[in-house]
Amino acid sequence: MKPIVIMFTLILMSFNAVAEECPITPDNITEAIENHIREIRASEYCPGRSIRTDGVNTIVVYTAEGACDPEEESAAGLCGNHWERYMIGSINGKIIGPIEVGRKGELSDKEIKITGNLIELTGLAIQPKDSFCCPSLPQTKKFEFSQDGFNEIKP
């Protein structure tokens, strides 16, 4: 019985390790995301990381959970039940961003499209009768990017 329990424990531990890994991004983007998460004293929700590339440019949207005020004494990532979505990019190898593109109660993106120097994020937003868990209003945000950063294109 003891070998079965040990084997079962090892299997569960390996599933947990895989579940916590973030999708692979270029090293310079991974480092920039980690620096940003550390700077805002948050934790990243790795399964929420989205990546798109057009061969030269790479765009990543990621989730920061429980960001802390610099004066907050709580451990990083434990300062509330809130999340923000950020976009960061590597444009011809240069990091641009991050820029906040959504948050709890706002856009919850599902898809990233890159066309030339335009990025389109599509997803769902909260309607007045929706609960925070279940956005249902289709929404799109568009951004133009260059070596200088991202600029949101307002409708």
N, C-alpha and C. Protein backbone atom coordinates (compact mmCIF):
# COMPACT_ATOMS: atom_id res chain seq x y z
N MET A 1 0.82 -1.20 0.00
CA MET A 1 0.00 0.00 0.00
C MET A 1 0.86 1.26 0.00
N LYS A 2 1.96 1.23 0.78
CA LYS A 2 2.83 2.40 0.87
C LYS A 2 3.41 2.80 -0.50
N PRO A 3 3.86 1.85 -1.35
CA PRO A 3 4.36 2.24 -2.68
C PRO A 3 3.26 2.90 -3.53
N ILE A 4 2.03 2.47 -3.39
CA ILE A 4 0.93 3.06 -4.16
C ILE A 4 0.71 4.50 -3.72
N VAL A 5 0.74 4.75 -2.44
CA VAL A 5 0.54 6.11 -1.92
C VAL A 5 1.67 7.02 -2.40
N ILE A 6 2.90 6.53 -2.36
CA ILE A 6 4.05 7.32 -2.81
C ILE A 6 3.92 7.63 -4.30
N MET A 7 3.56 6.62 -5.08
CA MET A 7 3.41 6.82 -6.52
C MET A 7 2.30 7.83 -6.82
N PHE A 8 1.17 7.72 -6.14
CA PHE A 8 0.05 8.62 -6.32
C PHE A 8 0.46 10.06 -5.96
N THR A 9 1.20 10.23 -4.88
CA THR A 9 1.67 11.54 -4.45
C THR A 9 2.59 12.17 -5.50
N LEU A 10 3.51 11.37 -6.03
CA LEU A 10 4.43 11.87 -7.06
C LEU A 10 3.67 12.29 -8.32
N ILE A 11 2.66 11.54 -8.70
CA ILE A 11 1.86 11.90 -9.88
C ILE A 11 1.15 13.22 -9.65
N LEU A 12 0.53 13.39 -8.49
CA LEU A 12 -0.16 14.64 -8.17
C LEU A 12 0.81 15.82 -8.15
N MET A 13 1.99 15.62 -7.62
CA MET A 13 2.99 16.69 -7.59
C MET A 13 3.41 17.08 -8.99
N SER A 14 3.55 16.11 -9.89
CA SER A 14 3.96 16.44 -11.25
C SER A 14 2.86 17.20 -11.98
N PHE A 15 1.59 16.86 -11.75
CA PHE A 15 0.49 17.61 -12.37
C PHE A 15 0.48 19.04 -11.84
N ASN A 16 0.71 19.22 -10.57
CA ASN A 16 0.73 20.56 -9.98
C ASN A 16 1.86 21.38 -10.57
N ALA A 17 3.02 20.81 -10.75
CA ALA A 17 4.16 21.53 -11.32
C ALA A 17 3.84 21.98 -12.73
N VAL A 18 3.22 21.12 -13.54
CA VAL A 18 2.88 21.48 -14.91
C VAL A 18 1.82 22.57 -14.93
N ALA A 19 0.82 22.49 -14.04
CA ALA A 19 -0.26 23.45 -14.01
C ALA A 19 0.22 24.86 -13.68
N GLU A 20 1.33 24.99 -12.95
CA GLU A 20 1.80 26.30 -12.52
C GLU A 20 2.76 26.95 -13.52
N GLU A 21 3.19 26.25 -14.55
CA GLU A 21 4.14 26.81 -15.48
C GLU A 21 3.45 27.76 -16.44
N CYS A 22 4.12 28.89 -16.70
CA CYS A 22 3.59 29.86 -17.66
C CYS A 22 3.94 29.40 -19.08
N PRO A 23 3.08 29.74 -20.05
CA PRO A 23 3.43 29.44 -21.44
C PRO A 23 4.78 30.08 -21.79
N ILE A 24 5.52 29.43 -22.63
CA ILE A 24 6.87 29.87 -22.97
C ILE A 24 6.80 31.13 -23.84
N THR A 25 7.58 32.13 -23.45
CA THR A 25 7.72 33.36 -24.22
C THR A 25 9.21 33.61 -24.41
N PRO A 26 9.57 34.49 -25.36
CA PRO A 26 10.99 34.82 -25.50
C PRO A 26 11.57 35.32 -24.16
N ASP A 27 12.84 35.04 -23.94
CA ASP A 27 13.48 35.36 -22.67
C ASP A 27 13.35 36.83 -22.28
N ASN A 28 13.49 37.75 -23.27
CA ASN A 28 13.42 39.17 -22.92
C ASN A 28 12.01 39.56 -22.45
N ILE A 29 10.97 38.94 -22.99
CA ILE A 29 9.60 39.22 -22.55
C ILE A 29 9.35 38.59 -21.19
N THR A 30 9.80 37.36 -21.00
CA THR A 30 9.64 36.70 -19.69
C THR A 30 10.28 37.55 -18.60
N GLU A 31 11.49 38.03 -18.84
CA GLU A 31 12.19 38.86 -17.85
C GLU A 31 11.42 40.16 -17.58
N ALA A 32 10.89 40.79 -18.64
CA ALA A 32 10.14 42.04 -18.46
C ALA A 32 8.85 41.81 -17.67
N ILE A 33 8.15 40.70 -17.94
CA ILE A 33 6.94 40.37 -17.19
C ILE A 33 7.28 40.14 -15.72
N GLU A 34 8.30 39.33 -15.47
CA GLU A 34 8.70 39.05 -14.08
C GLU A 34 9.09 40.33 -13.34
N ASN A 35 9.79 41.25 -14.01
CA ASN A 35 10.17 42.52 -13.39
C ASN A 35 8.93 43.35 -13.07
N HIS A 36 7.97 43.39 -13.99
CA HIS A 36 6.74 44.16 -13.76
C HIS A 36 5.94 43.57 -12.60
N ILE A 37 5.78 42.25 -12.59
CA ILE A 37 5.03 41.59 -11.53
C ILE A 37 5.68 41.87 -10.17
N ARG A 38 6.99 41.82 -10.12
CA ARG A 38 7.72 42.10 -8.89
C ARG A 38 7.55 43.58 -8.49
N GLU A 39 7.61 44.47 -9.47
CA GLU A 39 7.49 45.91 -9.21
C GLU A 39 6.12 46.28 -8.61
N ILE A 40 5.05 45.66 -9.11
CA ILE A 40 3.71 45.98 -8.59
C ILE A 40 3.32 45.06 -7.43
N ARG A 41 4.24 44.19 -7.04
CA ARG A 41 4.04 43.26 -5.92
C ARG A 41 2.77 42.44 -6.11
N ALA A 42 2.72 41.75 -7.22
CA ALA A 42 1.57 40.91 -7.56
C ALA A 42 2.05 39.49 -7.79
N SER A 43 1.14 38.65 -8.27
CA SER A 43 1.51 37.32 -8.75
C SER A 43 0.86 37.14 -10.11
N GLU A 44 1.49 36.37 -10.97
CA GLU A 44 0.93 36.14 -12.31
C GLU A 44 0.09 34.89 -12.32
N TYR A 45 -1.07 34.98 -12.97
CA TYR A 45 -1.92 33.82 -13.21
C TYR A 45 -1.48 33.25 -14.56
N CYS A 46 -0.59 32.27 -14.51
CA CYS A 46 0.05 31.75 -15.72
C CYS A 46 -0.90 31.19 -16.78
N PRO A 47 -1.96 30.46 -16.42
CA PRO A 47 -2.84 29.95 -17.47
C PRO A 47 -3.52 31.06 -18.28
N GLY A 48 -3.51 32.29 -17.77
CA GLY A 48 -4.12 33.40 -18.48
C GLY A 48 -3.20 34.10 -19.47
N ARG A 49 -1.95 33.67 -19.57
CA ARG A 49 -1.01 34.33 -20.49
C ARG A 49 -1.33 33.96 -21.93
N SER A 50 -1.46 34.98 -22.80
CA SER A 50 -1.74 34.79 -24.23
C SER A 50 -0.58 35.36 -25.03
N ILE A 51 -0.20 34.66 -26.10
CA ILE A 51 0.95 35.05 -26.91
C ILE A 51 0.57 35.03 -28.38
N ARG A 52 0.98 36.07 -29.12
CA ARG A 52 0.84 36.12 -30.57
C ARG A 52 2.12 36.69 -31.16
N THR A 53 2.49 36.17 -32.30
CA THR A 53 3.66 36.69 -32.99
C THR A 53 3.37 36.73 -34.48
N ASP A 54 3.97 37.69 -35.15
CA ASP A 54 3.84 37.77 -36.60
C ASP A 54 5.18 37.46 -37.27
N GLY A 55 6.06 36.86 -36.52
CA GLY A 55 7.39 36.51 -37.03
C GLY A 55 8.46 37.47 -36.55
N VAL A 56 8.18 38.76 -36.53
CA VAL A 56 9.13 39.78 -36.09
C VAL A 56 8.72 40.35 -34.74
N ASN A 57 7.42 40.57 -34.59
CA ASN A 57 6.88 41.17 -33.38
C ASN A 57 6.13 40.12 -32.56
N THR A 58 6.30 40.20 -31.24
CA THR A 58 5.60 39.29 -30.34
C THR A 58 4.83 40.12 -29.33
N ILE A 59 3.56 39.78 -29.15
CA ILE A 59 2.70 40.46 -28.20
C ILE A 59 2.25 39.43 -27.16
N VAL A 60 2.33 39.81 -25.89
CA VAL A 60 1.91 38.93 -24.80
C VAL A 60 0.95 39.72 -23.91
N VAL A 61 -0.18 39.09 -23.56
CA VAL A 61 -1.12 39.66 -22.60
C VAL A 61 -1.11 38.72 -21.40
N TYR A 62 -0.96 39.29 -20.22
CA TYR A 62 -0.84 38.48 -19.01
C TYR A 62 -1.66 39.08 -17.87
N THR A 63 -1.91 38.27 -16.85
CA THR A 63 -2.75 38.67 -15.72
C THR A 63 -1.92 38.82 -14.47
N ALA A 64 -2.06 39.99 -13.81
CA ALA A 64 -1.43 40.24 -12.52
C ALA A 64 -2.54 40.19 -11.47
N GLU A 65 -2.36 39.36 -10.47
CA GLU A 65 -3.38 39.19 -9.42
C GLU A 65 -2.87 39.76 -8.10
N GLY A 66 -3.78 40.43 -7.38
CA GLY A 66 -3.51 40.87 -6.01
C GLY A 66 -2.36 41.84 -5.86
N ALA A 67 -2.21 42.77 -6.82
CA ALA A 67 -1.12 43.75 -6.72
C ALA A 67 -1.23 44.52 -5.41
N CYS A 68 -0.05 44.84 -4.83
CA CYS A 68 0.00 45.50 -3.53
C CYS A 68 0.52 46.92 -3.66
N ASP A 69 -0.03 47.79 -2.85
CA ASP A 69 0.48 49.14 -2.70
C ASP A 69 1.88 49.02 -2.10
N PRO A 70 2.81 49.88 -2.49
CA PRO A 70 4.18 49.77 -1.94
C PRO A 70 4.24 49.79 -0.42
N GLU A 71 3.30 50.48 0.24
CA GLU A 71 3.31 50.55 1.70
C GLU A 71 2.60 49.37 2.35
N GLU A 72 1.92 48.55 1.57
CA GLU A 72 1.17 47.40 2.10
C GLU A 72 2.14 46.39 2.70
N GLU A 73 1.77 45.85 3.86
CA GLU A 73 2.64 44.90 4.54
C GLU A 73 2.41 43.46 4.12
N SER A 74 1.30 43.17 3.43
CA SER A 74 1.00 41.80 3.02
C SER A 74 2.03 41.30 2.02
N ALA A 75 2.12 39.98 1.92
CA ALA A 75 3.02 39.37 0.95
C ALA A 75 2.55 39.71 -0.46
N ALA A 76 3.49 39.82 -1.38
CA ALA A 76 3.16 40.13 -2.78
C ALA A 76 2.13 39.16 -3.32
N GLY A 77 1.15 39.70 -4.06
CA GLY A 77 0.10 38.89 -4.67
C GLY A 77 -1.08 38.61 -3.76
N LEU A 78 -1.04 39.10 -2.52
CA LEU A 78 -2.11 38.79 -1.56
C LEU A 78 -2.85 40.03 -1.08
N CYS A 79 -2.86 41.08 -1.89
CA CYS A 79 -3.43 42.36 -1.45
C CYS A 79 -4.82 42.61 -2.02
N GLY A 80 -5.61 41.61 -2.14
CA GLY A 80 -6.98 41.82 -2.58
C GLY A 80 -7.41 40.85 -3.65
N ASN A 81 -8.72 40.81 -3.84
CA ASN A 81 -9.32 39.92 -4.84
C ASN A 81 -9.56 40.72 -6.11
N HIS A 82 -8.48 41.11 -6.77
CA HIS A 82 -8.60 41.88 -8.01
C HIS A 82 -7.51 41.41 -8.97
N TRP A 83 -7.72 41.70 -10.23
CA TRP A 83 -6.73 41.35 -11.23
C TRP A 83 -6.74 42.41 -12.33
N GLU A 84 -5.61 42.53 -12.98
CA GLU A 84 -5.47 43.42 -14.13
C GLU A 84 -4.81 42.64 -15.25
N ARG A 85 -5.16 43.00 -16.51
CA ARG A 85 -4.52 42.40 -17.67
C ARG A 85 -3.58 43.45 -18.26
N TYR A 86 -2.37 43.01 -18.58
CA TYR A 86 -1.37 43.89 -19.15
C TYR A 86 -0.90 43.33 -20.47
N MET A 87 -0.49 44.23 -21.36
CA MET A 87 0.07 43.84 -22.65
C MET A 87 1.50 44.35 -22.71
N ILE A 88 2.37 43.50 -23.22
CA ILE A 88 3.78 43.83 -23.39
C ILE A 88 4.19 43.29 -24.74
N GLY A 89 5.20 43.88 -25.35
CA GLY A 89 5.60 43.40 -26.66
C GLY A 89 7.09 43.45 -26.87
N SER A 90 7.52 42.70 -27.87
CA SER A 90 8.89 42.76 -28.34
C SER A 90 8.79 43.14 -29.82
N ILE A 91 9.16 44.37 -30.12
CA ILE A 91 9.06 44.91 -31.47
C ILE A 91 10.47 45.00 -32.03
N ASN A 92 10.74 44.17 -33.01
CA ASN A 92 12.09 44.08 -33.57
C ASN A 92 13.13 43.90 -32.47
N GLY A 93 12.77 43.13 -31.42
CA GLY A 93 13.69 42.83 -30.33
C GLY A 93 13.67 43.82 -29.18
N LYS A 94 12.99 44.97 -29.34
CA LYS A 94 12.92 45.98 -28.27
C LYS A 94 11.63 45.78 -27.48
N ILE A 95 11.74 45.75 -26.15
CA ILE A 95 10.58 45.59 -25.28
C ILE A 95 9.80 46.90 -25.22
N ILE A 96 8.48 46.82 -25.41
CA ILE A 96 7.61 47.97 -25.20
C ILE A 96 6.51 47.56 -24.23
N GLY A 97 6.05 48.52 -23.46
CA GLY A 97 5.04 48.24 -22.46
C GLY A 97 5.72 47.93 -21.14
N PRO A 98 4.95 47.48 -20.18
CA PRO A 98 3.57 47.03 -20.27
C PRO A 98 2.57 48.19 -20.19
N ILE A 99 1.37 47.89 -20.69
CA ILE A 99 0.25 48.81 -20.62
C ILE A 99 -0.96 48.01 -20.13
N GLU A 100 -1.75 48.59 -19.23
CA GLU A 100 -2.95 47.90 -18.75
C GLU A 100 -4.00 47.90 -19.85
N VAL A 101 -4.57 46.72 -20.12
CA VAL A 101 -5.57 46.59 -21.19
C VAL A 101 -6.91 46.07 -20.68
N GLY A 102 -7.00 45.68 -19.42
CA GLY A 102 -8.25 45.18 -18.86
C GLY A 102 -8.09 44.94 -17.37
N ARG A 103 -9.21 44.67 -16.72
CA ARG A 103 -9.20 44.41 -15.28
C ARG A 103 -10.52 43.80 -14.89
N LYS A 104 -10.58 43.37 -13.63
CA LYS A 104 -11.81 42.81 -13.10
C LYS A 104 -12.92 43.85 -13.28
N GLY A 105 -14.00 43.44 -13.93
CA GLY A 105 -15.12 44.33 -14.18
C GLY A 105 -15.04 45.03 -15.52
N GLU A 106 -13.92 44.87 -16.24
CA GLU A 106 -13.77 45.47 -17.56
C GLU A 106 -13.50 44.36 -18.58
N LEU A 107 -12.74 44.67 -19.63
CA LEU A 107 -12.47 43.71 -20.69
C LEU A 107 -11.74 42.48 -20.17
N SER A 108 -12.27 41.32 -20.51
CA SER A 108 -11.61 40.04 -20.28
C SER A 108 -11.32 39.49 -21.67
N ASP A 109 -10.10 39.71 -22.16
CA ASP A 109 -9.78 39.39 -23.55
C ASP A 109 -9.69 37.88 -23.79
N LYS A 110 -10.02 37.49 -25.00
CA LYS A 110 -9.97 36.08 -25.40
C LYS A 110 -9.07 35.87 -26.61
N GLU A 111 -8.83 36.93 -27.40
CA GLU A 111 -8.08 36.75 -28.64
C GLU A 111 -7.23 37.98 -28.92
N ILE A 112 -6.03 37.73 -29.48
CA ILE A 112 -5.12 38.80 -29.90
C ILE A 112 -4.91 38.65 -31.40
N LYS A 113 -5.05 39.76 -32.13
CA LYS A 113 -4.74 39.77 -33.57
C LYS A 113 -3.70 40.86 -33.81
N ILE A 114 -2.70 40.53 -34.64
CA ILE A 114 -1.69 41.50 -35.05
C ILE A 114 -1.82 41.69 -36.54
N THR A 115 -2.02 42.93 -36.98
CA THR A 115 -2.09 43.25 -38.40
C THR A 115 -1.23 44.48 -38.62
N GLY A 116 -0.06 44.28 -39.22
CA GLY A 116 0.86 45.40 -39.39
C GLY A 116 1.30 45.90 -38.04
N ASN A 117 1.05 47.21 -37.77
CA ASN A 117 1.40 47.76 -36.46
C ASN A 117 0.14 47.99 -35.61
N LEU A 118 -0.90 47.20 -35.88
CA LEU A 118 -2.14 47.28 -35.10
C LEU A 118 -2.38 45.99 -34.34
N ILE A 119 -2.86 46.14 -33.12
CA ILE A 119 -3.23 44.99 -32.29
C ILE A 119 -4.70 45.13 -31.94
N GLU A 120 -5.41 44.03 -32.05
CA GLU A 120 -6.83 44.01 -31.69
C GLU A 120 -7.05 42.95 -30.63
N LEU A 121 -7.56 43.38 -29.48
CA LEU A 121 -7.92 42.46 -28.40
C LEU A 121 -9.44 42.35 -28.38
N THR A 122 -9.94 41.13 -28.48
CA THR A 122 -11.39 40.93 -28.41
C THR A 122 -11.69 40.02 -27.23
N GLY A 123 -12.85 40.25 -26.65
CA GLY A 123 -13.26 39.46 -25.51
C GLY A 123 -14.62 39.89 -25.01
N LEU A 124 -14.81 39.79 -23.71
CA LEU A 124 -16.10 40.12 -23.10
C LEU A 124 -15.91 41.12 -21.98
N ALA A 125 -16.93 41.95 -21.77
CA ALA A 125 -16.94 42.92 -20.67
C ALA A 125 -18.21 42.71 -19.86
N ILE A 126 -18.24 43.31 -18.70
CA ILE A 126 -19.37 43.20 -17.79
C ILE A 126 -20.49 44.15 -18.22
N GLN A 127 -21.69 43.62 -18.33
CA GLN A 127 -22.89 44.43 -18.52
C GLN A 127 -23.47 44.74 -17.15
N PRO A 128 -24.38 45.72 -17.06
CA PRO A 128 -24.93 46.08 -15.75
C PRO A 128 -25.54 44.92 -14.95
N LYS A 129 -26.12 43.93 -15.61
CA LYS A 129 -26.76 42.83 -14.88
C LYS A 129 -25.88 41.59 -14.74
N ASP A 130 -24.64 41.66 -15.25
CA ASP A 130 -23.72 40.54 -15.15
C ASP A 130 -23.07 40.52 -13.76
N SER A 131 -22.73 39.31 -13.29
CA SER A 131 -21.88 39.22 -12.11
C SER A 131 -20.44 39.31 -12.59
N PHE A 132 -19.50 39.61 -11.67
CA PHE A 132 -18.10 39.77 -12.06
C PHE A 132 -17.51 38.50 -12.67
N CYS A 133 -18.07 37.37 -12.34
CA CYS A 133 -17.53 36.11 -12.87
C CYS A 133 -17.87 35.89 -14.33
N CYS A 134 -18.93 36.52 -14.78
CA CYS A 134 -19.53 36.08 -16.04
C CYS A 134 -19.82 37.23 -17.00
N PRO A 135 -18.78 37.85 -17.57
CA PRO A 135 -19.02 38.93 -18.53
C PRO A 135 -19.72 38.39 -19.77
N SER A 136 -20.56 39.23 -20.39
CA SER A 136 -21.30 38.75 -21.56
C SER A 136 -21.37 39.75 -22.70
N LEU A 137 -20.82 40.94 -22.54
CA LEU A 137 -20.88 41.97 -23.57
C LEU A 137 -19.64 41.90 -24.46
N PRO A 138 -19.79 41.56 -25.76
CA PRO A 138 -18.62 41.52 -26.65
C PRO A 138 -17.96 42.90 -26.71
N GLN A 139 -16.62 42.91 -26.64
CA GLN A 139 -15.89 44.17 -26.67
C GLN A 139 -14.58 43.98 -27.41
N THR A 140 -14.12 45.04 -28.06
CA THR A 140 -12.85 45.03 -28.76
C THR A 140 -12.07 46.29 -28.38
N LYS A 141 -10.79 46.13 -28.15
CA LYS A 141 -9.89 47.26 -27.95
C LYS A 141 -8.81 47.16 -29.01
N LYS A 142 -8.46 48.32 -29.58
CA LYS A 142 -7.43 48.37 -30.62
C LYS A 142 -6.29 49.26 -30.16
N PHE A 143 -5.09 48.83 -30.51
CA PHE A 143 -3.88 49.56 -30.15
C PHE A 143 -2.97 49.65 -31.36
N GLU A 144 -2.29 50.78 -31.48
CA GLU A 144 -1.25 50.95 -32.46
C GLU A 144 0.06 50.83 -31.70
N PHE A 145 1.08 50.22 -32.31
CA PHE A 145 2.35 50.11 -31.61
C PHE A 145 3.51 50.53 -32.50
N SER A 146 4.55 50.98 -31.81
CA SER A 146 5.80 51.35 -32.47
C SER A 146 6.91 51.13 -31.45
N GLN A 147 8.12 51.48 -31.82
CA GLN A 147 9.25 51.36 -30.90
C GLN A 147 9.04 52.21 -29.65
N ASP A 148 8.14 53.22 -29.73
CA ASP A 148 7.89 54.11 -28.61
C ASP A 148 6.84 53.59 -27.64
N GLY A 149 6.11 52.54 -28.01
CA GLY A 149 5.12 51.99 -27.11
C GLY A 149 3.78 51.72 -27.78
N PHE A 150 2.75 51.55 -26.93
CA PHE A 150 1.39 51.27 -27.38
C PHE A 150 0.55 52.53 -27.24
N ASN A 151 -0.36 52.74 -28.19
CA ASN A 151 -1.35 53.82 -28.11
C ASN A 151 -2.71 53.21 -28.40
N GLU A 152 -3.65 53.36 -27.45
CA GLU A 152 -4.99 52.83 -27.68
C GLU A 152 -5.71 53.70 -28.70
N ILE A 153 -6.38 53.05 -29.63
CA ILE A 153 -7.19 53.73 -30.64
C ILE A 153 -8.62 53.72 -30.14
N LYS A 154 -9.11 54.90 -29.77
CA LYS A 154 -10.47 55.01 -29.24
C LYS A 154 -11.46 55.01 -30.40
N PRO A 155 -12.61 54.32 -30.19
CA PRO A 155 -13.62 54.28 -31.28
C PRO A 155 -14.26 55.63 -31.53
